[in-house]
N, C-alpha and C. Protein backbone atom coordinates (compact mmCIF):
# COMPACT_ATOMS: atom_id res chain seq x y z
N UNK A 1 -59.29 35.52 -88.93
CA UNK A 1 -57.86 35.30 -88.99
C UNK A 1 -57.42 34.68 -87.66
N UNK A 2 -56.60 33.60 -87.70
CA UNK A 2 -56.16 32.96 -86.46
C UNK A 2 -55.23 33.87 -85.65
N UNK A 3 -55.21 33.63 -84.35
CA UNK A 3 -54.32 34.35 -83.45
C UNK A 3 -53.26 33.36 -82.97
N UNK A 4 -51.99 33.78 -82.99
CA UNK A 4 -50.89 32.93 -82.56
C UNK A 4 -50.13 33.62 -81.43
N UNK A 5 -49.58 32.83 -80.54
CA UNK A 5 -48.69 33.33 -79.49
C UNK A 5 -47.28 32.96 -79.91
N UNK A 6 -46.37 33.94 -79.96
CA UNK A 6 -44.98 33.70 -80.35
C UNK A 6 -44.10 33.91 -79.12
N UNK A 7 -43.42 32.86 -78.71
CA UNK A 7 -42.49 32.92 -77.59
C UNK A 7 -41.11 33.23 -78.17
N UNK A 8 -40.52 34.34 -77.78
CA UNK A 8 -39.21 34.75 -78.29
C UNK A 8 -38.18 34.53 -77.19
N UNK A 9 -37.11 33.81 -77.51
CA UNK A 9 -36.11 33.49 -76.49
C UNK A 9 -34.71 33.68 -77.05
N UNK A 10 -33.88 34.25 -76.23
CA UNK A 10 -32.46 34.31 -76.54
C UNK A 10 -31.73 34.12 -75.22
N UNK A 11 -31.05 33.03 -75.09
CA UNK A 11 -30.36 32.79 -73.83
C UNK A 11 -29.01 32.13 -74.09
N UNK A 12 -28.05 32.55 -73.32
CA UNK A 12 -26.73 31.92 -73.36
C UNK A 12 -26.29 31.73 -71.92
N UNK A 13 -25.36 30.84 -71.72
CA UNK A 13 -24.91 30.57 -70.36
C UNK A 13 -23.44 30.24 -70.37
N UNK A 14 -22.82 30.41 -69.23
CA UNK A 14 -21.43 30.02 -69.05
C UNK A 14 -21.20 29.71 -67.58
N UNK A 15 -20.12 29.01 -67.30
CA UNK A 15 -19.71 28.74 -65.93
C UNK A 15 -18.51 29.61 -65.60
N UNK A 16 -18.49 30.19 -64.42
CA UNK A 16 -17.34 30.95 -63.95
C UNK A 16 -16.97 30.44 -62.57
N UNK A 17 -15.70 30.48 -62.25
CA UNK A 17 -15.22 30.02 -60.95
C UNK A 17 -14.89 31.23 -60.09
N UNK A 18 -15.42 31.23 -58.87
CA UNK A 18 -15.16 32.33 -57.94
C UNK A 18 -14.83 31.76 -56.58
N UNK A 19 -14.02 32.49 -55.85
CA UNK A 19 -13.73 32.13 -54.46
C UNK A 19 -14.65 32.95 -53.57
N UNK A 20 -15.37 32.27 -52.67
CA UNK A 20 -16.29 32.96 -51.77
C UNK A 20 -16.50 32.09 -50.54
N UNK A 21 -16.94 32.72 -49.46
CA UNK A 21 -17.19 31.99 -48.22
C UNK A 21 -18.49 31.20 -48.25
N UNK A 22 -19.49 31.70 -48.99
CA UNK A 22 -20.80 31.04 -49.04
C UNK A 22 -21.31 31.04 -50.48
N UNK A 23 -22.26 30.15 -50.80
CA UNK A 23 -22.86 30.17 -52.12
C UNK A 23 -23.53 31.51 -52.43
N UNK A 24 -24.13 32.12 -51.43
CA UNK A 24 -24.80 33.41 -51.63
C UNK A 24 -23.79 34.48 -52.03
N UNK A 25 -22.63 34.48 -51.38
CA UNK A 25 -21.59 35.45 -51.72
C UNK A 25 -21.06 35.21 -53.12
N UNK A 26 -20.94 33.95 -53.51
CA UNK A 26 -20.48 33.63 -54.86
C UNK A 26 -21.44 34.18 -55.90
N UNK A 27 -22.73 33.99 -55.68
CA UNK A 27 -23.74 34.50 -56.62
C UNK A 27 -23.70 36.02 -56.68
N UNK A 28 -23.59 36.66 -55.53
CA UNK A 28 -23.55 38.12 -55.51
C UNK A 28 -22.31 38.66 -56.21
N UNK A 29 -21.20 37.97 -56.05
CA UNK A 29 -19.96 38.41 -56.69
C UNK A 29 -20.10 38.37 -58.22
N UNK A 30 -20.68 37.31 -58.74
CA UNK A 30 -20.85 37.19 -60.19
C UNK A 30 -21.93 38.14 -60.69
N UNK A 31 -22.86 38.52 -59.84
CA UNK A 31 -23.96 39.40 -60.23
C UNK A 31 -23.53 40.85 -60.39
N UNK A 32 -22.32 41.21 -59.99
CA UNK A 32 -21.88 42.60 -60.14
C UNK A 32 -21.61 42.91 -61.60
N UNK A 33 -21.83 44.16 -61.97
CA UNK A 33 -21.65 44.56 -63.37
C UNK A 33 -20.19 44.63 -63.78
N UNK A 34 -19.27 44.59 -62.83
CA UNK A 34 -17.85 44.68 -63.17
C UNK A 34 -17.15 43.34 -63.18
N UNK A 35 -17.89 42.25 -62.95
CA UNK A 35 -17.28 40.93 -62.92
C UNK A 35 -16.88 40.51 -64.34
N UNK A 36 -15.64 40.08 -64.56
CA UNK A 36 -15.21 39.70 -65.91
C UNK A 36 -15.80 38.34 -66.33
N UNK A 37 -16.54 38.32 -67.41
CA UNK A 37 -17.11 37.08 -67.94
C UNK A 37 -16.28 36.62 -69.13
N UNK A 38 -16.34 35.32 -69.46
CA UNK A 38 -15.57 34.82 -70.60
C UNK A 38 -16.08 35.41 -71.92
N UNK A 39 -15.26 35.34 -72.97
CA UNK A 39 -15.70 35.83 -74.28
C UNK A 39 -16.93 35.06 -74.77
N UNK A 40 -17.72 35.69 -75.59
CA UNK A 40 -19.00 35.11 -76.06
C UNK A 40 -18.82 33.73 -76.70
N UNK A 41 -17.73 33.52 -77.42
CA UNK A 41 -17.56 32.23 -78.10
C UNK A 41 -17.35 31.07 -77.13
N UNK A 42 -17.08 31.37 -75.86
CA UNK A 42 -16.94 30.32 -74.86
C UNK A 42 -18.25 30.00 -74.14
N UNK A 43 -19.30 30.70 -74.48
CA UNK A 43 -20.60 30.46 -73.86
C UNK A 43 -21.32 29.35 -74.61
N UNK A 44 -22.27 28.71 -73.95
CA UNK A 44 -23.07 27.68 -74.61
C UNK A 44 -24.54 28.06 -74.51
N UNK A 45 -25.35 27.37 -75.27
CA UNK A 45 -26.78 27.65 -75.27
C UNK A 45 -27.21 28.24 -76.59
N UNK A 46 -28.36 28.84 -76.58
CA UNK A 46 -28.92 29.42 -77.79
C UNK A 46 -28.31 30.81 -77.96
N UNK A 47 -27.40 30.97 -78.90
CA UNK A 47 -26.75 32.25 -79.10
C UNK A 47 -27.52 33.13 -80.08
N UNK A 48 -28.46 32.54 -80.77
CA UNK A 48 -29.28 33.28 -81.71
C UNK A 48 -30.71 33.36 -81.16
N UNK A 49 -31.57 33.99 -81.90
CA UNK A 49 -32.97 34.14 -81.48
C UNK A 49 -33.74 32.87 -81.80
N UNK A 50 -34.61 32.46 -80.88
CA UNK A 50 -35.48 31.31 -81.08
C UNK A 50 -36.92 31.78 -80.99
N UNK A 51 -37.71 31.47 -82.00
CA UNK A 51 -39.12 31.84 -82.04
C UNK A 51 -39.95 30.56 -82.02
N UNK A 52 -40.82 30.42 -81.04
CA UNK A 52 -41.72 29.28 -80.95
C UNK A 52 -43.14 29.80 -81.07
N UNK A 53 -43.89 29.25 -82.02
CA UNK A 53 -45.24 29.74 -82.30
C UNK A 53 -46.26 28.71 -81.83
N UNK A 54 -47.24 29.20 -81.08
CA UNK A 54 -48.30 28.36 -80.54
C UNK A 54 -49.64 28.81 -81.09
N UNK A 55 -50.55 27.85 -81.33
CA UNK A 55 -51.89 28.23 -81.76
C UNK A 55 -52.74 28.61 -80.55
N UNK A 56 -53.99 28.93 -80.78
CA UNK A 56 -54.88 29.39 -79.72
C UNK A 56 -55.09 28.34 -78.62
N UNK A 57 -54.87 27.06 -78.96
CA UNK A 57 -55.04 25.99 -77.98
C UNK A 57 -53.76 25.71 -77.18
N UNK A 58 -52.68 26.42 -77.49
CA UNK A 58 -51.43 26.23 -76.79
C UNK A 58 -50.53 25.17 -77.39
N UNK A 59 -50.88 24.67 -78.57
CA UNK A 59 -50.07 23.67 -79.24
C UNK A 59 -48.99 24.35 -80.06
N UNK A 60 -47.74 23.90 -79.90
CA UNK A 60 -46.65 24.48 -80.70
C UNK A 60 -46.83 24.06 -82.15
N UNK A 61 -46.85 25.04 -83.05
CA UNK A 61 -47.09 24.75 -84.46
C UNK A 61 -45.91 25.11 -85.35
N UNK A 62 -44.91 25.81 -84.80
CA UNK A 62 -43.77 26.20 -85.62
C UNK A 62 -42.62 26.63 -84.71
N UNK A 63 -41.37 26.42 -85.19
CA UNK A 63 -40.20 26.90 -84.47
C UNK A 63 -39.20 27.42 -85.49
N UNK A 64 -38.62 28.57 -85.20
CA UNK A 64 -37.67 29.20 -86.11
C UNK A 64 -36.48 29.67 -85.29
N UNK A 65 -35.26 29.30 -85.71
CA UNK A 65 -34.05 29.76 -85.03
C UNK A 65 -33.25 30.59 -86.02
N UNK A 66 -32.88 31.79 -85.61
CA UNK A 66 -32.12 32.70 -86.49
C UNK A 66 -30.87 33.15 -85.80
């Protein structure tokens, strides 16, 4: 029976504007768990699950988005 590698990905992204003295401070500010992010419908990217299947040689043989 063949063996397959399935890469599972779910990623979304958004841009937020923050005031900070340095880029590092801006990143840290957004990294806090209390930072308000926009509603999900304003995010872009893959909002559902993406499954990419590779054969034993590393060739992608199937992709499924749900």
